[in-house]
Every structure is written in C-alpha cells, then in structure tokens.
Amino acid sequence: MEKPPLLLETVEQAEEVLRNAPFATIWHYQVRHVQAGKVELLLPAQPQFYRPGGIVQGGCLMSLADTAFWLAAMTELGIDAPIVTLEMKTNFLRGARGDVYCRAEVMKSGRRVTYGTATISDGAGQTLSHHTLTYIGAEAVAATTLAI
C-alpha cells in the first residue's frame, strides 16, 4: 500500500522548503499564508532587483509567481512531488517600486498536470501582474524525453 504524500500545510513547512531550495535563498521570500491550494509570499524590495527607472525587473515578479505556485501545488500534491513548470504566461499591469506580494492558487490538479494562477500586488493592494501557470510531473517529462 502506497503511503500518502506529506502535504504542505503550514507557514513553517513552506519556510523549510524554501530554506532547502538553493535558488530561493537569494530572494529572501517571506511566507505570509498557507492553506489548501493557496499560498501567499512576500518579496521584499532589494536594490539589486531594480532596473533603470526605479522599477523592479519583471523577472523578479515572474520568479515570485513561479515559486508561490510551486508551494501552492505542494499543498495538494505533496512536498516531495516531482513537479516542474511546463508553461507560464505573464501580464504586467503596472510597475513595482517596493515590496511585492503574491497570492498563488491551484485551480485544477490532476495526476500529471496542475494548473492555476498567481497575482502580484503592491503594499496598497494594486495589482501589478497576473500569471497563469501549468506544472507537470517530472516523471511525465522524463518519459516524454525518453520516448523521442
């Protein structure tokens, strides 16, 4: 009998996942909220994130959305789920000039594909960007690669 996956259920678990993810350490993400299918992260403003003109570089927002959705997917699939980003669509709506907040939500989760959204806002609650994300199980990617 297969053991059920350990689901991401708490802020503390999410913080631990981020501490153990080498890519995440440079961002200094702060986990604000975790619940089934949803995660909220804060990306504190840092001087190296700004491009000329005093606006946060768009890739920083995309990384925040991708990371928040990765954690949100873990609330349904498990902390050790071997998932990767298959597709991400981003719409930038206004420039970011300070701390940014992301709310990611899983809309549909299946055996192979997980789909959802992430919305990034500023401290005043104004929407800065909207993202749709599709994740796929890494085993499905490996099987497809081997079949080619």
N, C-alpha and C. Protein backbone atom coordinates (compact mmCIF):
# COMPACT_ATOMS: atom_id res chain seq x y z
N MET A 1 0.84 -1.18 0.00
CA MET A 1 0.00 0.00 0.00
C MET A 1 0.89 1.24 0.00
N GLU A 2 0.58 2.19 -0.90
CA GLU A 2 1.39 3.39 -1.03
C GLU A 2 1.05 4.39 0.07
N LYS A 3 2.10 4.98 0.64
CA LYS A 3 1.95 5.96 1.71
C LYS A 3 1.47 7.29 1.11
N PRO A 4 0.48 7.96 1.73
CA PRO A 4 0.02 9.25 1.19
C PRO A 4 1.13 10.30 1.29
N PRO A 5 1.13 11.26 0.37
CA PRO A 5 2.19 12.29 0.39
C PRO A 5 2.04 13.22 1.58
N LEU A 6 3.17 13.76 2.03
CA LEU A 6 3.17 14.78 3.08
C LEU A 6 2.82 16.11 2.44
N LEU A 7 1.62 16.61 2.72
CA LEU A 7 1.16 17.86 2.12
C LEU A 7 1.75 19.07 2.84
N LEU A 8 1.96 20.12 2.09
CA LEU A 8 2.37 21.40 2.66
C LEU A 8 1.13 22.01 3.31
N GLU A 9 1.20 22.24 4.63
CA GLU A 9 0.02 22.72 5.34
C GLU A 9 0.28 23.95 6.22
N THR A 10 1.54 24.29 6.46
CA THR A 10 1.82 25.38 7.39
C THR A 10 2.87 26.33 6.82
N VAL A 11 2.87 27.53 7.37
CA VAL A 11 3.89 28.53 7.02
C VAL A 11 5.28 27.98 7.33
N GLU A 12 5.40 27.30 8.47
CA GLU A 12 6.70 26.76 8.89
C GLU A 12 7.22 25.72 7.89
N GLN A 13 6.34 24.86 7.39
CA GLN A 13 6.75 23.88 6.38
C GLN A 13 7.21 24.59 5.11
N ALA A 14 6.48 25.60 4.68
CA ALA A 14 6.84 26.34 3.47
C ALA A 14 8.18 27.04 3.64
N GLU A 15 8.42 27.62 4.81
CA GLU A 15 9.71 28.26 5.08
C GLU A 15 10.84 27.24 5.01
N GLU A 16 10.60 26.04 5.52
CA GLU A 16 11.61 24.97 5.47
C GLU A 16 11.90 24.56 4.03
N VAL A 17 10.85 24.42 3.22
CA VAL A 17 11.05 24.08 1.80
C VAL A 17 11.92 25.14 1.14
N LEU A 18 11.63 26.40 1.39
CA LEU A 18 12.41 27.49 0.78
C LEU A 18 13.86 27.50 1.29
N ARG A 19 14.05 27.22 2.57
CA ARG A 19 15.42 27.16 3.11
C ARG A 19 16.24 26.07 2.43
N ASN A 20 15.58 24.99 2.03
CA ASN A 20 16.27 23.85 1.41
C ASN A 20 16.36 23.94 -0.11
N ALA A 21 15.82 24.99 -0.69
CA ALA A 21 15.86 25.18 -2.15
C ALA A 21 16.94 26.22 -2.46
N PRO A 22 18.07 25.78 -3.00
CA PRO A 22 19.20 26.71 -3.22
C PRO A 22 18.82 27.97 -4.00
N PHE A 23 17.94 27.86 -4.99
CA PHE A 23 17.57 29.04 -5.77
C PHE A 23 16.83 30.09 -4.94
N ALA A 24 16.13 29.65 -3.92
CA ALA A 24 15.26 30.55 -3.16
C ALA A 24 16.00 31.45 -2.19
N THR A 25 17.21 31.07 -1.81
CA THR A 25 17.92 31.83 -0.77
C THR A 25 18.25 33.25 -1.20
N ILE A 26 18.48 33.49 -2.48
CA ILE A 26 18.85 34.84 -2.92
C ILE A 26 17.68 35.82 -2.90
N TRP A 27 16.46 35.30 -2.88
CA TRP A 27 15.29 36.16 -2.99
C TRP A 27 14.79 36.68 -1.64
N HIS A 28 15.07 35.96 -0.56
CA HIS A 28 14.60 36.35 0.79
C HIS A 28 13.07 36.40 0.87
N TYR A 29 12.42 35.43 0.22
CA TYR A 29 10.96 35.35 0.28
C TYR A 29 10.50 35.21 1.73
N GLN A 30 9.33 35.75 2.01
CA GLN A 30 8.70 35.58 3.31
C GLN A 30 7.32 34.96 3.07
N VAL A 31 7.08 33.84 3.73
CA VAL A 31 5.80 33.14 3.59
C VAL A 31 4.79 33.84 4.48
N ARG A 32 3.69 34.28 3.89
CA ARG A 32 2.66 35.01 4.63
C ARG A 32 1.48 34.13 5.03
N HIS A 33 1.14 33.16 4.15
CA HIS A 33 -0.07 32.37 4.40
C HIS A 33 0.00 31.08 3.59
N VAL A 34 -0.49 30.00 4.19
CA VAL A 34 -0.60 28.71 3.51
C VAL A 34 -1.95 28.11 3.87
N GLN A 35 -2.68 27.65 2.85
CA GLN A 35 -3.89 26.87 3.06
C GLN A 35 -4.04 25.96 1.85
N ALA A 36 -4.95 25.04 1.90
CA ALA A 36 -5.12 24.08 0.80
C ALA A 36 -5.31 24.81 -0.53
N GLY A 37 -4.37 24.56 -1.45
CA GLY A 37 -4.45 25.14 -2.79
C GLY A 37 -4.02 26.58 -2.92
N LYS A 38 -3.58 27.21 -1.82
CA LYS A 38 -3.24 28.63 -1.87
C LYS A 38 -2.01 28.93 -1.02
N VAL A 39 -1.17 29.82 -1.54
CA VAL A 39 0.00 30.30 -0.80
C VAL A 39 0.18 31.79 -1.09
N GLU A 40 0.58 32.53 -0.07
CA GLU A 40 0.92 33.94 -0.24
C GLU A 40 2.36 34.15 0.19
N LEU A 41 3.12 34.82 -0.69
CA LEU A 41 4.53 35.14 -0.42
C LEU A 41 4.75 36.64 -0.54
N LEU A 42 5.76 37.12 0.18
CA LEU A 42 6.23 38.49 0.07
C LEU A 42 7.64 38.45 -0.48
N LEU A 43 7.91 39.32 -1.45
CA LEU A 43 9.27 39.54 -1.93
C LEU A 43 9.67 40.94 -1.49
N PRO A 44 10.57 41.02 -0.48
CA PRO A 44 10.99 42.34 -0.02
C PRO A 44 11.82 43.05 -1.09
N ALA A 45 11.62 44.35 -1.22
CA ALA A 45 12.39 45.15 -2.18
C ALA A 45 13.87 45.09 -1.82
N GLN A 46 14.70 44.91 -2.84
CA GLN A 46 16.15 44.87 -2.67
C GLN A 46 16.79 45.65 -3.82
N PRO A 47 17.84 46.40 -3.54
CA PRO A 47 18.43 47.26 -4.58
C PRO A 47 18.79 46.53 -5.87
N GLN A 48 19.25 45.29 -5.78
CA GLN A 48 19.67 44.56 -6.98
C GLN A 48 18.49 44.14 -7.87
N PHE A 49 17.26 44.31 -7.41
CA PHE A 49 16.09 43.93 -8.20
C PHE A 49 15.62 45.04 -9.15
N TYR A 50 16.14 46.25 -8.96
CA TYR A 50 15.65 47.39 -9.74
C TYR A 50 16.40 47.56 -11.06
N ARG A 51 15.63 47.87 -12.07
CA ARG A 51 16.21 48.21 -13.36
C ARG A 51 16.23 49.73 -13.47
N PRO A 52 16.90 50.30 -14.48
CA PRO A 52 16.88 51.77 -14.63
C PRO A 52 15.44 52.29 -14.65
N GLY A 53 15.23 53.39 -13.98
CA GLY A 53 13.89 53.96 -13.86
C GLY A 53 13.24 53.65 -12.52
N GLY A 54 13.93 52.84 -11.70
CA GLY A 54 13.43 52.57 -10.35
C GLY A 54 12.28 51.58 -10.29
N ILE A 55 12.16 50.70 -11.29
CA ILE A 55 11.09 49.70 -11.31
C ILE A 55 11.71 48.32 -11.13
N VAL A 56 11.03 47.49 -10.34
CA VAL A 56 11.50 46.12 -10.13
C VAL A 56 11.50 45.39 -11.46
N GLN A 57 12.60 44.72 -11.78
CA GLN A 57 12.76 43.98 -13.03
C GLN A 57 11.70 42.89 -13.11
N GLY A 58 11.07 42.72 -14.28
CA GLY A 58 9.95 41.81 -14.45
C GLY A 58 10.25 40.36 -14.09
N GLY A 59 11.47 39.91 -14.33
CA GLY A 59 11.83 38.53 -13.99
C GLY A 59 11.72 38.25 -12.50
N CYS A 60 11.89 39.28 -11.68
CA CYS A 60 11.74 39.10 -10.23
C CYS A 60 10.29 38.74 -9.90
N LEU A 61 9.36 39.41 -10.58
CA LEU A 61 7.94 39.12 -10.35
C LEU A 61 7.59 37.72 -10.86
N MET A 62 8.16 37.35 -11.99
CA MET A 62 7.89 36.02 -12.54
C MET A 62 8.43 34.93 -11.62
N SER A 63 9.61 35.15 -11.06
CA SER A 63 10.18 34.18 -10.13
C SER A 63 9.31 34.05 -8.88
N LEU A 64 8.83 35.18 -8.38
CA LEU A 64 7.95 35.17 -7.21
C LEU A 64 6.67 34.37 -7.51
N ALA A 65 6.06 34.62 -8.67
CA ALA A 65 4.83 33.91 -9.04
C ALA A 65 5.09 32.41 -9.18
N ASP A 66 6.19 32.05 -9.82
CA ASP A 66 6.52 30.65 -10.03
C ASP A 66 6.76 29.94 -8.70
N THR A 67 7.47 30.60 -7.81
CA THR A 67 7.77 30.00 -6.51
C THR A 67 6.51 29.86 -5.66
N ALA A 68 5.68 30.88 -5.65
CA ALA A 68 4.44 30.82 -4.87
C ALA A 68 3.53 29.70 -5.39
N PHE A 69 3.46 29.55 -6.72
CA PHE A 69 2.61 28.49 -7.27
C PHE A 69 3.20 27.12 -6.98
N TRP A 70 4.52 26.99 -7.04
CA TRP A 70 5.20 25.74 -6.69
C TRP A 70 4.78 25.29 -5.29
N LEU A 71 4.80 26.23 -4.35
CA LEU A 71 4.39 25.91 -2.97
C LEU A 71 2.90 25.59 -2.90
N ALA A 72 2.08 26.35 -3.62
CA ALA A 72 0.63 26.08 -3.62
C ALA A 72 0.35 24.67 -4.15
N ALA A 73 1.08 24.26 -5.17
CA ALA A 73 0.90 22.91 -5.72
C ALA A 73 1.26 21.85 -4.67
N MET A 74 2.24 22.13 -3.84
CA MET A 74 2.64 21.19 -2.79
C MET A 74 1.55 20.98 -1.75
N THR A 75 0.63 21.93 -1.62
CA THR A 75 -0.47 21.76 -0.67
C THR A 75 -1.43 20.68 -1.13
N GLU A 76 -1.40 20.36 -2.42
CA GLU A 76 -2.29 19.33 -2.97
C GLU A 76 -1.56 18.06 -3.38
N LEU A 77 -0.30 18.22 -3.85
CA LEU A 77 0.44 17.07 -4.38
C LEU A 77 1.46 16.50 -3.42
N GLY A 78 1.89 17.29 -2.47
CA GLY A 78 2.89 16.85 -1.51
C GLY A 78 4.21 17.59 -1.65
N ILE A 79 4.92 17.68 -0.54
CA ILE A 79 6.18 18.42 -0.50
C ILE A 79 7.24 17.80 -1.42
N ASP A 80 7.23 16.50 -1.55
CA ASP A 80 8.24 15.83 -2.37
C ASP A 80 7.77 15.55 -3.79
N ALA A 81 6.65 16.13 -4.20
CA ALA A 81 6.13 15.89 -5.55
C ALA A 81 7.13 16.38 -6.59
N PRO A 82 7.52 15.51 -7.52
CA PRO A 82 8.49 15.90 -8.55
C PRO A 82 7.79 16.67 -9.68
N ILE A 83 7.59 17.98 -9.47
CA ILE A 83 6.87 18.80 -10.45
C ILE A 83 7.77 19.91 -10.97
N VAL A 84 7.50 20.30 -12.21
CA VAL A 84 8.26 21.39 -12.84
C VAL A 84 7.30 22.27 -13.62
N THR A 85 7.73 23.48 -13.90
CA THR A 85 6.93 24.42 -14.68
C THR A 85 6.91 23.97 -16.13
N LEU A 86 5.72 23.77 -16.66
CA LEU A 86 5.55 23.43 -18.07
C LEU A 86 5.31 24.70 -18.88
N GLU A 87 4.48 25.60 -18.34
CA GLU A 87 4.15 26.83 -19.06
C GLU A 87 3.81 27.92 -18.05
N MET A 88 4.18 29.15 -18.41
CA MET A 88 3.84 30.29 -17.57
C MET A 88 3.55 31.47 -18.49
N LYS A 89 2.40 32.10 -18.29
CA LYS A 89 2.03 33.29 -19.05
C LYS A 89 1.94 34.44 -18.07
N THR A 90 2.54 35.55 -18.45
CA THR A 90 2.60 36.71 -17.56
C THR A 90 2.06 37.94 -18.26
N ASN A 91 1.23 38.69 -17.54
CA ASN A 91 0.78 40.01 -17.98
C ASN A 91 1.22 41.02 -16.93
N PHE A 92 2.07 41.95 -17.34
CA PHE A 92 2.49 43.02 -16.44
C PHE A 92 1.50 44.17 -16.59
N LEU A 93 0.96 44.65 -15.46
CA LEU A 93 -0.08 45.66 -15.49
C LEU A 93 0.38 47.03 -15.02
N ARG A 94 1.37 47.06 -14.14
CA ARG A 94 1.96 48.33 -13.70
C ARG A 94 3.29 48.02 -13.05
N GLY A 95 4.15 49.02 -12.98
CA GLY A 95 5.48 48.84 -12.42
C GLY A 95 5.48 48.70 -10.91
N ALA A 96 6.40 47.88 -10.43
CA ALA A 96 6.57 47.67 -8.98
C ALA A 96 7.71 48.54 -8.49
N ARG A 97 7.52 49.18 -7.35
CA ARG A 97 8.53 50.07 -6.81
C ARG A 97 8.91 49.77 -5.36
N GLY A 98 8.42 48.71 -4.81
CA GLY A 98 8.71 48.36 -3.42
C GLY A 98 8.45 46.89 -3.19
N ASP A 99 8.15 46.56 -1.94
CA ASP A 99 7.82 45.17 -1.61
C ASP A 99 6.63 44.72 -2.47
N VAL A 100 6.65 43.45 -2.85
CA VAL A 100 5.54 42.91 -3.65
C VAL A 100 5.02 41.64 -3.00
N TYR A 101 3.73 41.41 -3.17
CA TYR A 101 3.03 40.30 -2.55
C TYR A 101 2.42 39.43 -3.64
N CYS A 102 2.49 38.12 -3.46
CA CYS A 102 1.94 37.21 -4.45
C CYS A 102 0.98 36.24 -3.79
N ARG A 103 -0.18 36.08 -4.41
CA ARG A 103 -1.15 35.08 -3.99
C ARG A 103 -1.28 34.08 -5.13
N ALA A 104 -0.90 32.86 -4.89
CA ALA A 104 -0.98 31.79 -5.90
C ALA A 104 -2.08 30.82 -5.50
N GLU A 105 -2.80 30.34 -6.52
CA GLU A 105 -3.92 29.45 -6.25
C GLU A 105 -3.99 28.35 -7.31
N VAL A 106 -4.11 27.11 -6.83
CA VAL A 106 -4.30 25.97 -7.72
C VAL A 106 -5.77 25.93 -8.12
N MET A 107 -6.02 25.88 -9.41
CA MET A 107 -7.40 25.80 -9.90
C MET A 107 -7.79 24.36 -10.24
N LYS A 108 -6.82 23.58 -10.75
CA LYS A 108 -7.07 22.18 -11.10
C LYS A 108 -5.78 21.41 -10.92
N SER A 109 -5.90 20.28 -10.26
CA SER A 109 -4.74 19.43 -10.03
C SER A 109 -5.11 18.00 -10.42
N GLY A 110 -4.34 17.44 -11.34
CA GLY A 110 -4.60 16.08 -11.79
C GLY A 110 -3.38 15.20 -11.58
N ARG A 111 -3.42 14.00 -12.16
CA ARG A 111 -2.30 13.06 -11.99
C ARG A 111 -1.02 13.59 -12.63
N ARG A 112 -1.14 14.26 -13.77
CA ARG A 112 0.06 14.71 -14.50
C ARG A 112 0.22 16.22 -14.53
N VAL A 113 -0.89 16.96 -14.58
CA VAL A 113 -0.83 18.40 -14.79
C VAL A 113 -1.55 19.14 -13.66
N THR A 114 -0.95 20.25 -13.23
CA THR A 114 -1.54 21.13 -12.23
C THR A 114 -1.59 22.53 -12.83
N TYR A 115 -2.73 23.19 -12.72
CA TYR A 115 -2.95 24.49 -13.37
C TYR A 115 -3.47 25.49 -12.35
N GLY A 116 -3.05 26.76 -12.49
CA GLY A 116 -3.55 27.78 -11.59
C GLY A 116 -3.08 29.16 -11.95
N THR A 117 -3.24 30.07 -11.00
CA THR A 117 -2.91 31.47 -11.22
C THR A 117 -2.07 32.02 -10.07
N ALA A 118 -1.44 33.14 -10.36
CA ALA A 118 -0.75 33.90 -9.33
C ALA A 118 -0.98 35.38 -9.64
N THR A 119 -1.28 36.14 -8.63
CA THR A 119 -1.49 37.58 -8.79
C THR A 119 -0.53 38.30 -7.85
N ILE A 120 0.18 39.28 -8.39
CA ILE A 120 1.14 40.04 -7.61
C ILE A 120 0.60 41.46 -7.43
N SER A 121 0.69 41.94 -6.19
CA SER A 121 0.21 43.28 -5.88
C SER A 121 1.25 44.02 -5.04
N ASP A 122 1.06 45.34 -4.93
CA ASP A 122 1.94 46.15 -4.09
C ASP A 122 1.34 46.29 -2.70
N GLY A 123 2.00 47.05 -1.85
CA GLY A 123 1.54 47.23 -0.47
C GLY A 123 0.17 47.89 -0.36
N ALA A 124 -0.23 48.64 -1.39
CA ALA A 124 -1.54 49.30 -1.39
C ALA A 124 -2.63 48.39 -1.95
N GLY A 125 -2.26 47.17 -2.38
CA GLY A 125 -3.23 46.24 -2.91
C GLY A 125 -3.49 46.38 -4.41
N GLN A 126 -2.73 47.25 -5.09
CA GLN A 126 -2.90 47.40 -6.54
C GLN A 126 -2.26 46.23 -7.26
N THR A 127 -2.97 45.65 -8.22
CA THR A 127 -2.44 44.52 -8.97
C THR A 127 -1.33 44.99 -9.91
N LEU A 128 -0.18 44.30 -9.82
CA LEU A 128 0.99 44.64 -10.65
C LEU A 128 1.14 43.68 -11.82
N SER A 129 0.83 42.40 -11.59
CA SER A 129 0.95 41.41 -12.66
C SER A 129 0.02 40.24 -12.36
N HIS A 130 -0.34 39.56 -13.45
CA HIS A 130 -1.19 38.37 -13.35
C HIS A 130 -0.51 37.26 -14.14
N HIS A 131 -0.50 36.06 -13.58
CA HIS A 131 0.22 34.93 -14.17
C HIS A 131 -0.69 33.71 -14.20
N THR A 132 -0.62 32.94 -15.28
CA THR A 132 -1.22 31.62 -15.31
C THR A 132 -0.07 30.63 -15.43
N LEU A 133 -0.18 29.53 -14.70
CA LEU A 133 0.91 28.55 -14.65
C LEU A 133 0.38 27.14 -14.83
N THR A 134 1.16 26.35 -15.52
CA THR A 134 0.88 24.93 -15.68
C THR A 134 2.12 24.17 -15.25
N TYR A 135 1.95 23.25 -14.34
CA TYR A 135 3.03 22.39 -13.87
C TYR A 135 2.77 20.97 -14.36
N ILE A 136 3.84 20.23 -14.56
CA ILE A 136 3.74 18.83 -14.97
C ILE A 136 4.64 18.00 -14.08
N GLY A 137 4.24 16.77 -13.85
CA GLY A 137 5.08 15.86 -13.07
C GLY A 137 6.39 15.60 -13.81
N ALA A 138 7.51 15.66 -13.10
CA ALA A 138 8.81 15.46 -13.73
C ALA A 138 8.93 14.09 -14.36
N GLU A 139 8.25 13.09 -13.79
CA GLU A 139 8.29 11.76 -14.38
C GLU A 139 7.65 11.75 -15.77
N ALA A 140 6.60 12.54 -15.96
CA ALA A 140 5.96 12.63 -17.28
C ALA A 140 6.91 13.28 -18.27
N VAL A 141 7.67 14.27 -17.83
CA VAL A 141 8.63 14.93 -18.70
C VAL A 141 9.73 13.93 -19.09
N ALA A 142 10.23 13.19 -18.12
CA ALA A 142 11.29 12.21 -18.39
C ALA A 142 10.81 11.12 -19.34
N ALA A 143 9.57 10.66 -19.18
CA ALA A 143 9.02 9.62 -20.05
C ALA A 143 8.88 10.15 -21.47
N THR A 144 8.47 11.40 -21.62
CA THR A 144 8.32 12.00 -22.94
C THR A 144 9.68 12.17 -23.60
N THR A 145 10.66 12.61 -22.84
CA THR A 145 12.01 12.81 -23.36
C THR A 145 12.60 11.50 -23.83
N LEU A 146 12.41 10.43 -23.07
CA LEU A 146 12.94 9.12 -23.44
C LEU A 146 12.25 8.55 -24.67
N ALA A 147 10.99 8.91 -24.87
CA ALA A 147 10.23 8.38 -25.99
C ALA A 147 10.62 9.01 -27.33
N ILE A 148 11.27 10.13 -27.28
CA ILE A 148 11.63 10.86 -28.51
C ILE A 148 12.81 10.22 -29.21
